[in-house]
Amino acid sequence: MNFAGVASRQEIGKHYDRADIFINASWLDNMPVSIIEAFAAGTPVVTTSPECMLYLVDHERTGLLSPVGDEKALAANVVRLLREPALAQKLAHNAHVESQNYRWEVVREQWVNVYRGLLEAR
């Protein structure tokens, strides 16, 4: 295990490429970019499940969720992916497909539609 610290935008991809699993043990997260980056890189995700994470990670489809503060459940999910490489591959593939929904072209269009709807409602 290597804790690399802060990585530049130019270097972040190589860290995801070297990782077998992306582990997130946050107590509170709204929409962590690191999860979306792991999705885009095709790195399987194991994370805790603060309230907003449920909107981003779909348990057993795009990643594995563990209760907040339950380090044994988090570790069990990591071990599960290490023991079930087919599951890790399936999660990584599904998450990579899901990551396309967070590309700027898609998000921009959603914002434009929100603003258009607000203007029309006036």
PDB file of N, CA and C in Angstrom:
ATOM      1  N   MET A   1       0.851  -1.162   0.000  1.00  0.00           N
ATOM      2  CA  MET A   1       0.000   0.000   0.000  1.00  0.00           C
ATOM      3  C   MET A   1       0.900   1.229   0.000  1.00  0.00           C
ATOM      4  N   ASN A   2       0.516   2.209  -0.804  1.00  0.00           N
ATOM      5  CA  ASN A   2       1.284   3.440  -0.901  1.00  0.00           C
ATOM      6  C   ASN A   2       0.324   4.617  -0.826  1.00  0.00           C
ATOM      7  N   PHE A   3       0.554   5.504   0.142  1.00  0.00           N
ATOM      8  CA  PHE A   3      -0.240   6.719   0.247  1.00  0.00           C
ATOM      9  C   PHE A   3       0.540   7.823  -0.447  1.00  0.00           C
ATOM     10  N   ALA A   4       0.059   8.240  -1.595  1.00  0.00           N
ATOM     11  CA  ALA A   4       0.807   9.161  -2.446  1.00  0.00           C
ATOM     12  C   ALA A   4       0.606  10.625  -2.083  1.00  0.00           C
ATOM     13  N   GLY A   5      -0.383  10.934  -1.261  1.00  0.00           N
ATOM     14  CA  GLY A   5      -0.658  12.337  -0.957  1.00  0.00           C
ATOM     15  C   GLY A   5      -1.419  12.980  -2.105  1.00  0.00           C
ATOM     16  N   VAL A   6      -1.315  14.284  -2.199  1.00  0.00           N
ATOM     17  CA  VAL A   6      -2.010  15.020  -3.259  1.00  0.00           C
ATOM     18  C   VAL A   6      -1.349  14.722  -4.598  1.00  0.00           C
ATOM     19  N   ALA A   7      -2.171  14.398  -5.580  1.00  0.00           N
ATOM     20  CA  ALA A   7      -1.664  14.114  -6.925  1.00  0.00           C
ATOM     21  C   ALA A   7      -2.165  15.186  -7.881  1.00  0.00           C
ATOM     22  N   SER A   8      -1.315  15.575  -8.798  1.00  0.00           N
ATOM     23  CA  SER A   8      -1.699  16.575  -9.795  1.00  0.00           C
ATOM     24  C   SER A   8      -2.677  15.965 -10.795  1.00  0.00           C
ATOM     25  N   ARG A   9      -3.352  16.818 -11.531  1.00  0.00           N
ATOM     26  CA  ARG A   9      -4.289  16.338 -12.562  1.00  0.00           C
ATOM     27  C   ARG A   9      -3.574  15.464 -13.586  1.00  0.00           C
ATOM     28  N   GLN A  10      -2.321  15.789 -13.858  1.00  0.00           N
ATOM     29  CA  GLN A  10      -1.552  15.029 -14.844  1.00  0.00           C
ATOM     30  C   GLN A  10      -1.152  13.646 -14.319  1.00  0.00           C
ATOM     31  N   GLU A  11      -1.077  13.498 -13.005  1.00  0.00           N
ATOM     32  CA  GLU A  11      -0.607  12.240 -12.421  1.00  0.00           C
ATOM     33  C   GLU A  11      -1.710  11.357 -11.856  1.00  0.00           C
ATOM     34  N   ILE A  12      -2.886  11.896 -11.642  1.00  0.00           N
ATOM     35  CA  ILE A  12      -3.929  11.155 -10.933  1.00  0.00           C
ATOM     36  C   ILE A  12      -4.294   9.843 -11.630  1.00  0.00           C
ATOM     37  N   GLY A  13      -4.327   9.855 -12.948  1.00  0.00           N
ATOM     38  CA  GLY A  13      -4.706   8.655 -13.701  1.00  0.00           C
ATOM     39  C   GLY A  13      -3.802   7.473 -13.431  1.00  0.00           C
ATOM     40  N   LYS A  14      -2.508   7.715 -13.293  1.00  0.00           N
ATOM     41  CA  LYS A  14      -1.595   6.585 -13.064  1.00  0.00           C
ATOM     42  C   LYS A  14      -1.845   5.940 -11.700  1.00  0.00           C
ATOM     43  N   HIS A  15      -2.301   6.726 -10.729  1.00  0.00           N
ATOM     44  CA  HIS A  15      -2.608   6.154  -9.420  1.00  0.00           C
ATOM     45  C   HIS A  15      -3.842   5.250  -9.497  1.00  0.00           C
ATOM     46  N   TYR A  16      -4.861   5.677 -10.235  1.00  0.00           N
ATOM     47  CA  TYR A  16      -6.036   4.829 -10.420  1.00  0.00           C
ATOM     48  C   TYR A  16      -5.658   3.572 -11.202  1.00  0.00           C
ATOM     49  N   ASP A  17      -4.803   3.728 -12.216  1.00  0.00           N
ATOM     50  CA  ASP A  17      -4.401   2.571 -13.021  1.00  0.00           C
ATOM     51  C   ASP A  17      -3.656   1.524 -12.197  1.00  0.00           C
ATOM     52  N   ARG A  18      -2.898   1.964 -11.205  1.00  0.00           N
ATOM     53  CA  ARG A  18      -2.131   1.040 -10.366  1.00  0.00           C
ATOM     54  C   ARG A  18      -2.966   0.413  -9.259  1.00  0.00           C
ATOM     55  N   ALA A  19      -4.125   0.974  -8.975  1.00  0.00           N
ATOM     56  CA  ALA A  19      -4.939   0.494  -7.854  1.00  0.00           C
ATOM     57  C   ALA A  19      -5.774  -0.713  -8.251  1.00  0.00           C
ATOM     58  N   ASP A  20      -5.866  -1.671  -7.345  1.00  0.00           N
ATOM     59  CA  ASP A  20      -6.759  -2.809  -7.547  1.00  0.00           C
ATOM     60  C   ASP A  20      -8.177  -2.450  -7.134  1.00  0.00           C
ATOM     61  N   ILE A  21      -8.282  -1.614  -6.086  1.00  0.00           N
ATOM     62  CA  ILE A  21      -9.577  -1.215  -5.532  1.00  0.00           C
ATOM     63  C   ILE A  21      -9.451   0.219  -5.030  1.00  0.00           C
ATOM     64  N   PHE A  22     -10.492   1.022  -5.244  1.00  0.00           N
ATOM     65  CA  PHE A  22     -10.556   2.365  -4.660  1.00  0.00           C
ATOM     66  C   PHE A  22     -11.404   2.254  -3.399  1.00  0.00           C
ATOM     67  N   ILE A  23     -10.828   2.634  -2.264  1.00  0.00           N
ATOM     68  CA  ILE A  23     -11.521   2.531  -0.981  1.00  0.00           C
ATOM     69  C   ILE A  23     -11.787   3.930  -0.446  1.00  0.00           C
ATOM     70  N   ASN A  24     -13.038   4.175  -0.103  1.00  0.00           N
ATOM     71  CA  ASN A  24     -13.445   5.464   0.455  1.00  0.00           C
ATOM     72  C   ASN A  24     -14.143   5.193   1.788  1.00  0.00           C
ATOM     73  N   ALA A  25     -13.615   5.781   2.872  1.00  0.00           N
ATOM     74  CA  ALA A  25     -14.168   5.527   4.203  1.00  0.00           C
ATOM     75  C   ALA A  25     -14.734   6.790   4.832  1.00  0.00           C
ATOM     76  N   SER A  26     -15.329   7.641   4.022  1.00  0.00           N
ATOM     77  CA  SER A  26     -15.849   8.919   4.505  1.00  0.00           C
ATOM     78  C   SER A  26     -17.054   8.748   5.416  1.00  0.00           C
ATOM     79  N   TRP A  27     -17.174   9.683   6.354  1.00  0.00           N
ATOM     80  CA  TRP A  27     -18.351   9.761   7.212  1.00  0.00           C
ATOM     81  C   TRP A  27     -19.428  10.622   6.574  1.00  0.00           C
ATOM     82  N   LEU A  28     -18.995  11.558   5.708  1.00  0.00           N
ATOM     83  CA  LEU A  28     -19.908  12.492   5.069  1.00  0.00           C
ATOM     84  C   LEU A  28     -19.343  12.846   3.699  1.00  0.00           C
ATOM     85  N   ASP A  29     -20.130  12.657   2.674  1.00  0.00           N
ATOM     86  CA  ASP A  29     -19.720  13.015   1.317  1.00  0.00           C
ATOM     87  C   ASP A  29     -20.962  13.342   0.519  1.00  0.00           C
ATOM     88  N   ASN A  30     -20.919  14.433  -0.220  1.00  0.00           N
ATOM     89  CA  ASN A  30     -22.055  14.787  -1.056  1.00  0.00           C
ATOM     90  C   ASN A  30     -21.944  14.143  -2.430  1.00  0.00           C
ATOM     91  N   MET A  31     -20.918  14.487  -3.178  1.00  0.00           N
ATOM     92  CA  MET A  31     -20.713  13.937  -4.512  1.00  0.00           C
ATOM     93  C   MET A  31     -19.204  13.926  -4.745  1.00  0.00           C
ATOM     94  N   PRO A  32     -18.500  12.965  -4.138  1.00  0.00           N
ATOM     95  CA  PRO A  32     -17.042  12.985  -4.232  1.00  0.00           C
ATOM     96  C   PRO A  32     -16.543  12.728  -5.650  1.00  0.00           C
ATOM     97  N   VAL A  33     -15.788  13.667  -6.150  1.00  0.00           N
ATOM     98  CA  VAL A  33     -15.212  13.543  -7.490  1.00  0.00           C
ATOM     99  C   VAL A  33     -14.306  12.318  -7.569  1.00  0.00           C
ATOM    100  N   SER A  34     -13.654  11.980  -6.465  1.00  0.00           N
ATOM    101  CA  SER A  34     -12.748  10.829  -6.474  1.00  0.00           C
ATOM    102  C   SER A  34     -13.483   9.538  -6.848  1.00  0.00           C
ATOM    103  N   ILE A  35     -14.726   9.393  -6.437  1.00  0.00           N
ATOM    104  CA  ILE A  35     -15.512   8.202  -6.798  1.00  0.00           C
ATOM    105  C   ILE A  35     -15.781   8.205  -8.301  1.00  0.00           C
ATOM    106  N   ILE A  36     -16.150   9.353  -8.834  1.00  0.00           N
ATOM    107  CA  ILE A  36     -16.416   9.458 -10.275  1.00  0.00           C
ATOM    108  C   ILE A  36     -15.129   9.209 -11.064  1.00  0.00           C
ATOM    109  N   GLU A  37     -14.003   9.704 -10.557  1.00  0.00           N
ATOM    110  CA  GLU A  37     -12.714   9.446 -11.216  1.00  0.00           C
ATOM    111  C   GLU A  37     -12.397   7.950 -11.213  1.00  0.00           C
ATOM    112  N   ALA A  38     -12.640   7.281 -10.092  1.00  0.00           N
ATOM    113  CA  ALA A  38     -12.400   5.837 -10.024  1.00  0.00           C
ATOM    114  C   ALA A  38     -13.316   5.109 -11.007  1.00  0.00           C
ATOM    115  N   PHE A  39     -14.576   5.514 -11.068  1.00  0.00           N
ATOM    116  CA  PHE A  39     -15.497   4.940 -12.054  1.00  0.00           C
ATOM    117  C   PHE A  39     -14.917   5.081 -13.462  1.00  0.00           C
ATOM    118  N   ALA A  40     -14.524   6.303 -13.800  1.00  0.00           N
ATOM    119  CA  ALA A  40     -14.027   6.589 -15.156  1.00  0.00           C
ATOM    120  C   ALA A  40     -12.766   5.793 -15.468  1.00  0.00           C
ATOM    121  N   ALA A  41     -11.939   5.554 -14.449  1.00  0.00           N
ATOM    122  CA  ALA A  41     -10.690   4.819 -14.651  1.00  0.00           C
ATOM    123  C   ALA A  41     -10.905   3.305 -14.685  1.00  0.00           C
ATOM    124  N   GLY A  42     -12.108   2.865 -14.348  1.00  0.00           N
ATOM    125  CA  GLY A  42     -12.372   1.433 -14.322  1.00  0.00           C
ATOM    126  C   GLY A  42     -11.797   0.749 -13.092  1.00  0.00           C
ATOM    127  N   THR A  43     -11.704   1.493 -11.996  1.00  0.00           N
ATOM    128  CA  THR A  43     -11.210   0.945 -10.733  1.00  0.00           C
ATOM    129  C   THR A  43     -12.403   0.595  -9.852  1.00  0.00           C
ATOM    130  N   PRO A  44     -12.516  -0.660  -9.401  1.00  0.00           N
ATOM    131  CA  PRO A  44     -13.657  -1.032  -8.555  1.00  0.00           C
ATOM    132  C   PRO A  44     -13.680  -0.209  -7.267  1.00  0.00           C
ATOM    133  N   VAL A  45     -14.883   0.148  -6.823  1.00  0.00           N
ATOM    134  CA  VAL A  45     -15.061   1.034  -5.675  1.00  0.00           C
ATOM    135  C   VAL A  45     -15.705   0.298  -4.504  1.00  0.00           C
ATOM    136  N   VAL A  46     -15.082   0.462  -3.327  1.00  0.00           N
ATOM    137  CA  VAL A  46     -15.666   0.043  -2.056  1.00  0.00           C
ATOM    138  C   VAL A  46     -15.736   1.306  -1.217  1.00  0.00           C
ATOM    139  N   THR A  47     -16.931   1.626  -0.712  1.00  0.00           N
ATOM    140  CA  THR A  47     -17.101   2.885   0.008  1.00  0.00           C
ATOM    141  C   THR A  47     -18.089   2.737   1.157  1.00  0.00           C
ATOM    142  N   THR A  48     -17.986   3.640   2.093  1.00  0.00           N
ATOM    143  CA  THR A  48     -19.011   3.769   3.100  1.00  0.00           C
ATOM    144  C   THR A  48     -20.225   4.406   2.443  1.00  0.00           C
ATOM    145  N   SER A  49     -21.334   4.406   3.171  1.00  0.00           N
ATOM    146  CA  SER A  49     -22.575   4.879   2.549  1.00  0.00           C
ATOM    147  C   SER A  49     -23.214   6.040   3.298  1.00  0.00           C
ATOM    148  N   PRO A  50     -22.483   7.191   3.392  1.00  0.00           N
ATOM    149  CA  PRO A  50     -23.200   8.359   3.905  1.00  0.00           C
ATOM    150  C   PRO A  50     -24.392   8.630   2.987  1.00  0.00           C
ATOM    151  N   GLU A  51     -25.370   9.344   3.489  1.00  0.00           N
ATOM    152  CA  GLU A  51     -26.659   9.504   2.810  1.00  0.00           C
ATOM    153  C   GLU A  51     -26.555   9.797   1.315  1.00  0.00           C
ATOM    154  N   CYS A  52     -25.747  10.747   0.926  1.00  0.00           N
ATOM    155  CA  CYS A  52     -25.694  11.150  -0.487  1.00  0.00           C
ATOM    156  C   CYS A  52     -24.973  10.145  -1.378  1.00  0.00           C
ATOM    157  N   MET A  53     -24.162   9.273  -0.787  1.00  0.00           N
ATOM    158  CA  MET A  53     -23.429   8.293  -1.592  1.00  0.00           C
ATOM    159  C   MET A  53     -24.380   7.348  -2.309  1.00  0.00           C
ATOM    160  N   LEU A  54     -25.557   7.152  -1.736  1.00  0.00           N
ATOM    161  CA  LEU A  54     -26.526   6.242  -2.335  1.00  0.00           C
ATOM    162  C   LEU A  54     -27.021   6.739  -3.696  1.00  0.00           C
ATOM    163  N   TYR A  55     -26.860   8.032  -3.970  1.00  0.00           N
ATOM    164  CA  TYR A  55     -27.226   8.585  -5.275  1.00  0.00           C
ATOM    165  C   TYR A  55     -26.138   8.340  -6.308  1.00  0.00           C
ATOM    166  N   LEU A  56     -24.952   8.005  -5.854  1.00  0.00           N
ATOM    167  CA  LEU A  56     -23.810   7.855  -6.751  1.00  0.00           C
ATOM    168  C   LEU A  56     -23.427   6.392  -6.950  1.00  0.00           C
ATOM    169  N   VAL A  57     -23.351   5.638  -5.868  1.00  0.00           N
ATOM    170  CA  VAL A  57     -22.918   4.237  -5.933  1.00  0.00           C
ATOM    171  C   VAL A  57     -24.125   3.335  -5.721  1.00  0.00           C
ATOM    172  N   ASP A  58     -24.352   2.465  -6.672  1.00  0.00           N
ATOM    173  CA  ASP A  58     -25.437   1.490  -6.597  1.00  0.00           C
ATOM    174  C   ASP A  58     -24.822   0.165  -6.126  1.00  0.00           C
ATOM    175  N   HIS A  59     -25.159  -0.249  -4.893  1.00  0.00           N
ATOM    176  CA  HIS A  59     -24.558  -1.429  -4.271  1.00  0.00           C
ATOM    177  C   HIS A  59     -24.686  -2.662  -5.162  1.00  0.00           C
ATOM    178  N   GLU A  60     -23.575  -3.282  -5.399  1.00  0.00           N
ATOM    179  CA  GLU A  60     -23.426  -4.492  -6.200  1.00  0.00           C
ATOM    180  C   GLU A  60     -23.674  -4.289  -7.690  1.00  0.00           C
ATOM    181  N   ARG A  61     -23.840  -3.038  -8.111  1.00  0.00           N
ATOM    182  CA  ARG A  61     -23.897  -2.729  -9.554  1.00  0.00           C
ATOM    183  C   ARG A  61     -22.708  -1.870  -9.953  1.00  0.00           C
ATOM    184  N   THR A  62     -22.454  -0.782  -9.233  1.00  0.00           N
ATOM    185  CA  THR A  62     -21.318   0.089  -9.573  1.00  0.00           C
ATOM    186  C   THR A  62     -20.266   0.125  -8.464  1.00  0.00           C
ATOM    187  N   GLY A  63     -20.518  -0.534  -7.359  1.00  0.00           N
ATOM    188  CA  GLY A  63     -19.565  -0.572  -6.255  1.00  0.00           C
ATOM    189  C   GLY A  63     -20.167  -1.333  -5.095  1.00  0.00           C
ATOM    190  N   LEU A  64     -19.399  -1.419  -4.019  1.00  0.00           N
ATOM    191  CA  LEU A  64     -19.898  -2.058  -2.809  1.00  0.00           C
ATOM    192  C   LEU A  64     -19.984  -1.012  -1.706  1.00  0.00           C
ATOM    193  N   LEU A  65     -21.117  -1.001  -1.009  1.00  0.00           N
ATOM    194  CA  LEU A  65     -21.369  -0.038   0.065  1.00  0.00           C
ATOM    195  C   LEU A  65     -21.272  -0.714   1.430  1.00  0.00           C
ATOM    196  N   SER A  66     -20.749   0.037   2.381  1.00  0.00           N
ATOM    197  CA  SER A  66     -20.637  -0.415   3.766  1.00  0.00           C
ATOM    198  C   SER A  66     -21.215   0.665   4.662  1.00  0.00           C
ATOM    199  N   PRO A  67     -21.803   0.284   5.803  1.00  0.00           N
ATOM    200  CA  PRO A  67     -22.326   1.303   6.712  1.00  0.00           C
ATOM    201  C   PRO A  67     -21.208   2.235   7.206  1.00  0.00           C
ATOM    202  N   VAL A  68     -21.539   3.482   7.383  1.00  0.00           N
ATOM    203  CA  VAL A  68     -20.589   4.457   7.922  1.00  0.00           C
ATOM    204  C   VAL A  68     -20.130   3.996   9.300  1.00  0.00           C
ATOM    205  N   GLY A  69     -18.824   4.039   9.529  1.00  0.00           N
ATOM    206  CA  GLY A  69     -18.266   3.687  10.826  1.00  0.00           C
ATOM    207  C   GLY A  69     -18.073   2.201  11.063  1.00  0.00           C
ATOM    208  N   ASP A  70     -18.437   1.375  10.111  1.00  0.00           N
ATOM    209  CA  ASP A  70     -18.297  -0.076  10.262  1.00  0.00           C
ATOM    210  C   ASP A  70     -17.076  -0.541   9.475  1.00  0.00           C
ATOM    211  N   GLU A  71     -15.919  -0.427  10.112  1.00  0.00           N
ATOM    212  CA  GLU A  71     -14.676  -0.761   9.417  1.00  0.00           C
ATOM    213  C   GLU A  71     -14.594  -2.243   9.073  1.00  0.00           C
ATOM    214  N   LYS A  72     -15.257  -3.109   9.844  1.00  0.00           N
ATOM    215  CA  LYS A  72     -15.242  -4.542   9.529  1.00  0.00           C
ATOM    216  C   LYS A  72     -16.015  -4.829   8.249  1.00  0.00           C
ATOM    217  N   ALA A  73     -17.144  -4.154   8.062  1.00  0.00           N
ATOM    218  CA  ALA A  73     -17.921  -4.334   6.829  1.00  0.00           C
ATOM    219  C   ALA A  73     -17.151  -3.786   5.625  1.00  0.00           C
ATOM    220  N   LEU A  74     -16.484  -2.643   5.805  1.00  0.00           N
ATOM    221  CA  LEU A  74     -15.669  -2.068   4.727  1.00  0.00           C
ATOM    222  C   LEU A  74     -14.565  -3.045   4.341  1.00  0.00           C
ATOM    223  N   ALA A  75     -13.864  -3.586   5.337  1.00  0.00           N
ATOM    224  CA  ALA A  75     -12.789  -4.550   5.079  1.00  0.00           C
ATOM    225  C   ALA A  75     -13.338  -5.810   4.422  1.00  0.00           C
ATOM    226  N   ALA A  76     -14.502  -6.267   4.865  1.00  0.00           N
ATOM    227  CA  ALA A  76     -15.105  -7.471   4.280  1.00  0.00           C
ATOM    228  C   ALA A  76     -15.419  -7.259   2.801  1.00  0.00           C
ATOM    229  N   ASN A  77     -15.876  -6.055   2.448  1.00  0.00           N
ATOM    230  CA  ASN A  77     -16.147  -5.770   1.032  1.00  0.00           C
ATOM    231  C   ASN A  77     -14.865  -5.729   0.214  1.00  0.00           C
ATOM    232  N   VAL A  78     -13.795  -5.210   0.789  1.00  0.00           N
ATOM    233  CA  VAL A  78     -12.502  -5.207   0.090  1.00  0.00           C
ATOM    234  C   VAL A  78     -12.051  -6.643  -0.146  1.00  0.00           C
ATOM    235  N   VAL A  79     -12.094  -7.456   0.898  1.00  0.00           N
ATOM    236  CA  VAL A  79     -11.691  -8.865   0.782  1.00  0.00           C
ATOM    237  C   VAL A  79     -12.579  -9.583  -0.234  1.00  0.00           C
ATOM    238  N   ARG A  80     -13.854  -9.276  -0.229  1.00  0.00           N
ATOM    239  CA  ARG A  80     -14.779  -9.896  -1.190  1.00  0.00           C
ATOM    240  C   ARG A  80     -14.333  -9.636  -2.624  1.00  0.00           C
ATOM    241  N   LEU A  81     -13.961  -8.389  -2.928  1.00  0.00           N
ATOM    242  CA  LEU A  81     -13.520  -8.082  -4.289  1.00  0.00           C
ATOM    243  C   LEU A  81     -12.209  -8.772  -4.619  1.00  0.00           C
ATOM    244  N   LEU A  82     -11.330  -8.893  -3.647  1.00  0.00           N
ATOM    245  CA  LEU A  82     -10.066  -9.595  -3.891  1.00  0.00           C
ATOM    246  C   LEU A  82     -10.299 -11.083  -4.151  1.00  0.00           C
ATOM    247  N   ARG A  83     -11.313 -11.647  -3.521  1.00  0.00           N
ATOM    248  CA  ARG A  83     -11.631 -13.066  -3.699  1.00  0.00           C
ATOM    249  C   ARG A  83     -12.520 -13.340  -4.902  1.00  0.00           C
ATOM    250  N   GLU A  84     -13.224 -12.294  -5.368  1.00  0.00           N
ATOM    251  CA  GLU A  84     -14.156 -12.456  -6.492  1.00  0.00           C
ATOM    252  C   GLU A  84     -13.779 -11.498  -7.630  1.00  0.00           C
ATOM    253  N   PRO A  85     -12.716 -11.821  -8.358  1.00  0.00           N
ATOM    254  CA  PRO A  85     -12.278 -10.912  -9.421  1.00  0.00           C
ATOM    255  C   PRO A  85     -13.335 -10.682 -10.511  1.00  0.00           C
ATOM    256  N   ALA A  86     -14.207 -11.654 -10.736  1.00  0.00           N
ATOM    257  CA  ALA A  86     -15.276 -11.450 -11.731  1.00  0.00           C
ATOM    258  C   ALA A  86     -16.246 -10.365 -11.259  1.00  0.00           C
ATOM    259  N   LEU A  87     -16.541 -10.337  -9.977  1.00  0.00           N
ATOM    260  CA  LEU A  87     -17.398  -9.286  -9.425  1.00  0.00           C
ATOM    261  C   LEU A  87     -16.700  -7.933  -9.531  1.00  0.00           C
ATOM    262  N   ALA A  88     -15.422  -7.889  -9.188  1.00  0.00           N
ATOM    263  CA  ALA A  88     -14.664  -6.632  -9.292  1.00  0.00           C
ATOM    264  C   ALA A  88     -14.690  -6.118 -10.721  1.00  0.00           C
ATOM    265  N   GLN A  89     -14.517  -7.015 -11.673  1.00  0.00           N
ATOM    266  CA  GLN A  89     -14.528  -6.619 -13.084  1.00  0.00           C
ATOM    267  C   GLN A  89     -15.911  -6.122 -13.504  1.00  0.00           C
ATOM    268  N   LYS A  90     -16.963  -6.802 -13.055  1.00  0.00           N
ATOM    269  CA  LYS A  90     -18.336  -6.388 -13.386  1.00  0.00           C
ATOM    270  C   LYS A  90     -18.630  -5.001 -12.813  1.00  0.00           C
ATOM    271  N   LEU A  91     -18.277  -4.783 -11.539  1.00  0.00           N
ATOM    272  CA  LEU A  91     -18.506  -3.480 -10.914  1.00  0.00           C
ATOM    273  C   LEU A  91     -17.743  -2.384 -11.649  1.00  0.00           C
ATOM    274  N   ALA A  92     -16.485  -2.662 -11.982  1.00  0.00           N
ATOM    275  CA  ALA A  92     -15.659  -1.670 -12.674  1.00  0.00           C
ATOM    276  C   ALA A  92     -16.259  -1.326 -14.041  1.00  0.00           C
ATOM    277  N   HIS A  93     -16.721  -2.332 -14.753  1.00  0.00           N
ATOM    278  CA  HIS A  93     -17.332  -2.082 -16.071  1.00  0.00           C
ATOM    279  C   HIS A  93     -18.606  -1.250 -15.935  1.00  0.00           C
ATOM    280  N   ASN A  94     -19.490  -1.660 -15.032  1.00  0.00           N
ATOM    281  CA  ASN A  94     -20.743  -0.920 -14.837  1.00  0.00           C
ATOM    282  C   ASN A  94     -20.475   0.515 -14.399  1.00  0.00           C
ATOM    283  N   ALA A  95     -19.508   0.689 -13.514  1.00  0.00           N
ATOM    284  CA  ALA A  95     -19.174   2.027 -13.024  1.00  0.00           C
ATOM    285  C   ALA A  95     -18.591   2.881 -14.139  1.00  0.00           C
ATOM    286  N   HIS A  96     -17.775   2.272 -14.991  1.00  0.00           N
ATOM    287  CA  HIS A  96     -17.207   3.033 -16.112  1.00  0.00           C
ATOM    288  C   HIS A  96     -18.327   3.524 -17.032  1.00  0.00           C
ATOM    289  N   VAL A  97     -19.276   2.665 -17.324  1.00  0.00           N
ATOM    290  CA  VAL A  97     -20.429   3.075 -18.140  1.00  0.00           C
ATOM    291  C   VAL A  97     -21.176   4.207 -17.438  1.00  0.00           C
ATOM    292  N   GLU A  98     -21.406   4.071 -16.133  1.00  0.00           N
ATOM    293  CA  GLU A  98     -22.105   5.092 -15.340  1.00  0.00           C
ATOM    294  C   GLU A  98     -21.363   6.423 -15.362  1.00  0.00           C
ATOM    295  N   SER A  99     -20.039   6.376 -15.383  1.00  0.00           N
ATOM    296  CA  SER A  99     -19.238   7.610 -15.347  1.00  0.00           C
ATOM    297  C   SER A  99     -19.524   8.518 -16.543  1.00  0.00           C
ATOM    298  N   GLN A 100     -20.020   7.948 -17.621  1.00  0.00           N
ATOM    299  CA  GLN A 100     -20.322   8.754 -18.804  1.00  0.00           C
ATOM    300  C   GLN A 100     -21.440   9.764 -18.516  1.00  0.00           C
ATOM    301  N   ASN A 101     -22.275   9.475 -17.520  1.00  0.00           N
ATOM    302  CA  ASN A 101     -23.351  10.398 -17.143  1.00  0.00           C
ATOM    303  C   ASN A 101     -22.839  11.653 -16.444  1.00  0.00           C
ATOM    304  N   TYR A 102     -21.565  11.657 -16.077  1.00  0.00           N
ATOM    305  CA  TYR A 102     -20.988  12.795 -15.359  1.00  0.00           C
ATOM    306  C   TYR A 102     -20.031  13.603 -16.233  1.00  0.00           C
ATOM    307  N   ARG A 103     -19.973  13.290 -17.523  1.00  0.00           N
ATOM    308  CA  ARG A 103     -19.159  14.078 -18.456  1.00  0.00           C
ATOM    309  C   ARG A 103     -19.789  15.464 -18.596  1.00  0.00           C
ATOM    310  N   TRP A 104     -18.943  16.460 -18.832  1.00  0.00           N
ATOM    311  CA  TRP A 104     -19.415  17.838 -18.911  1.00  0.00           C
ATOM    312  C   TRP A 104     -20.510  18.004 -19.953  1.00  0.00           C
ATOM    313  N   GLU A 105     -20.398  17.341 -21.087  1.00  0.00           N
ATOM    314  CA  GLU A 105     -21.397  17.495 -22.145  1.00  0.00           C
ATOM    315  C   GLU A 105     -22.785  17.085 -21.648  1.00  0.00           C
ATOM    316  N   VAL A 106     -22.851  16.052 -20.843  1.00  0.00           N
ATOM    317  CA  VAL A 106     -24.127  15.562 -20.320  1.00  0.00           C
ATOM    318  C   VAL A 106     -24.643  16.490 -19.219  1.00  0.00           C
ATOM    319  N   VAL A 107     -23.767  16.832 -18.288  1.00  0.00           N
ATOM    320  CA  VAL A 107     -24.158  17.685 -17.163  1.00  0.00           C
ATOM    321  C   VAL A 107     -24.553  19.077 -17.649  1.00  0.00           C
ATOM    322  N   ARG A 108     -23.804  19.602 -18.608  1.00  0.00           N
ATOM    323  CA  ARG A 108     -24.114  20.934 -19.163  1.00  0.00           C
ATOM    324  C   ARG A 108     -25.525  20.963 -19.721  1.00  0.00           C
ATOM    325  N   GLU A 109     -25.891  19.935 -20.449  1.00  0.00           N
ATOM    326  CA  GLU A 109     -27.229  19.881 -21.048  1.00  0.00           C
ATOM    327  C   GLU A 109     -28.307  19.823 -19.961  1.00  0.00           C
ATOM    328  N   GLN A 110     -28.043  19.127 -18.894  1.00  0.00           N
ATOM    329  CA  GLN A 110     -28.997  19.065 -17.783  1.00  0.00           C
ATOM    330  C   GLN A 110     -29.181  20.448 -17.149  1.00  0.00           C
ATOM    331  N   TRP A 111     -28.070  21.168 -16.947  1.00  0.00           N
ATOM    332  CA  TRP A 111     -28.166  22.520 -16.383  1.00  0.00           C
ATOM    333  C   TRP A 111     -28.934  23.461 -17.319  1.00  0.00           C
ATOM    334  N   VAL A 112     -28.657  23.363 -18.605  1.00  0.00           N
ATOM    335  CA  VAL A 112     -29.360  24.210 -19.577  1.00  0.00           C
ATOM    336  C   VAL A 112     -30.852  23.934 -19.515  1.00  0.00           C
ATOM    337  N   ASN A 113     -31.225  22.664 -19.405  1.00  0.00           N
ATOM    338  CA  ASN A 113     -32.647  22.310 -19.329  1.00  0.00           C
ATOM    339  C   ASN A 113     -33.299  22.847 -18.058  1.00  0.00           C
ATOM    340  N   VAL A 114     -32.572  22.841 -16.946  1.00  0.00           N
ATOM    341  CA  VAL A 114     -33.098  23.408 -15.702  1.00  0.00           C
ATOM    342  C   VAL A 114     -33.363  24.897 -15.885  1.00  0.00           C
ATOM    343  N   TYR A 115     -32.374  25.601 -16.444  1.00  0.00           N
ATOM    344  CA  TYR A 115     -32.550  27.056 -16.644  1.00  0.00           C
ATOM    345  C   TYR A 115     -33.681  27.369 -17.621  1.00  0.00           C
ATOM    346  N   ARG A 116     -33.786  26.586 -18.694  1.00  0.00           N
ATOM    347  CA  ARG A 116     -34.893  26.777 -19.638  1.00  0.00           C
ATOM    348  C   ARG A 116     -36.234  26.571 -18.949  1.00  0.00           C
ATOM    349  N   GLY A 117     -36.318  25.538 -18.125  1.00  0.00           N
ATOM    350  CA  GLY A 117     -37.560  25.276 -17.393  1.00  0.00           C
ATOM    351  C   GLY A 117     -37.922  26.414 -16.450  1.00  0.00           C
ATOM    352  N   LEU A 118     -36.926  27.009 -15.800  1.00  0.00           N
ATOM    353  CA  LEU A 118     -37.182  28.133 -14.918  1.00  0.00           C
ATOM    354  C   LEU A 118     -37.666  29.353 -15.696  1.00  0.00           C
ATOM    355  N   LEU A 119     -37.057  29.582 -16.855  1.00  0.00           N
ATOM    356  CA  LEU A 119     -37.476  30.713 -17.678  1.00  0.00           C
ATOM    357  C   LEU A 119     -38.898  30.521 -18.188  1.00  0.00           C
ATOM    358  N   GLU A 120     -39.218  29.308 -18.588  1.00  0.00           N
ATOM    359  CA  GLU A 120     -40.566  29.024 -19.105  1.00  0.00           C
ATOM    360  C   GLU A 120     -41.611  29.133 -17.998  1.00  0.00           C
ATOM    361  N   ALA A 121     -41.239  28.839 -16.771  1.00  0.00           N
ATOM    362  CA  ALA A 121     -42.167  28.896 -15.661  1.00  0.00           C
ATOM    363  C   ALA A 121     -42.510  30.339 -15.285  1.00  0.00           C
ATOM    364  N   ARG A 122     -41.684  31.273 -15.696  1.00  0.00           N
ATOM    365  CA  ARG A 122     -41.941  32.685 -15.392  1.00  0.00           C
ATOM    366  C   ARG A 122     -43.144  33.111 -16.157  1.00  0.00           C
TER     367      ARG A 122
END
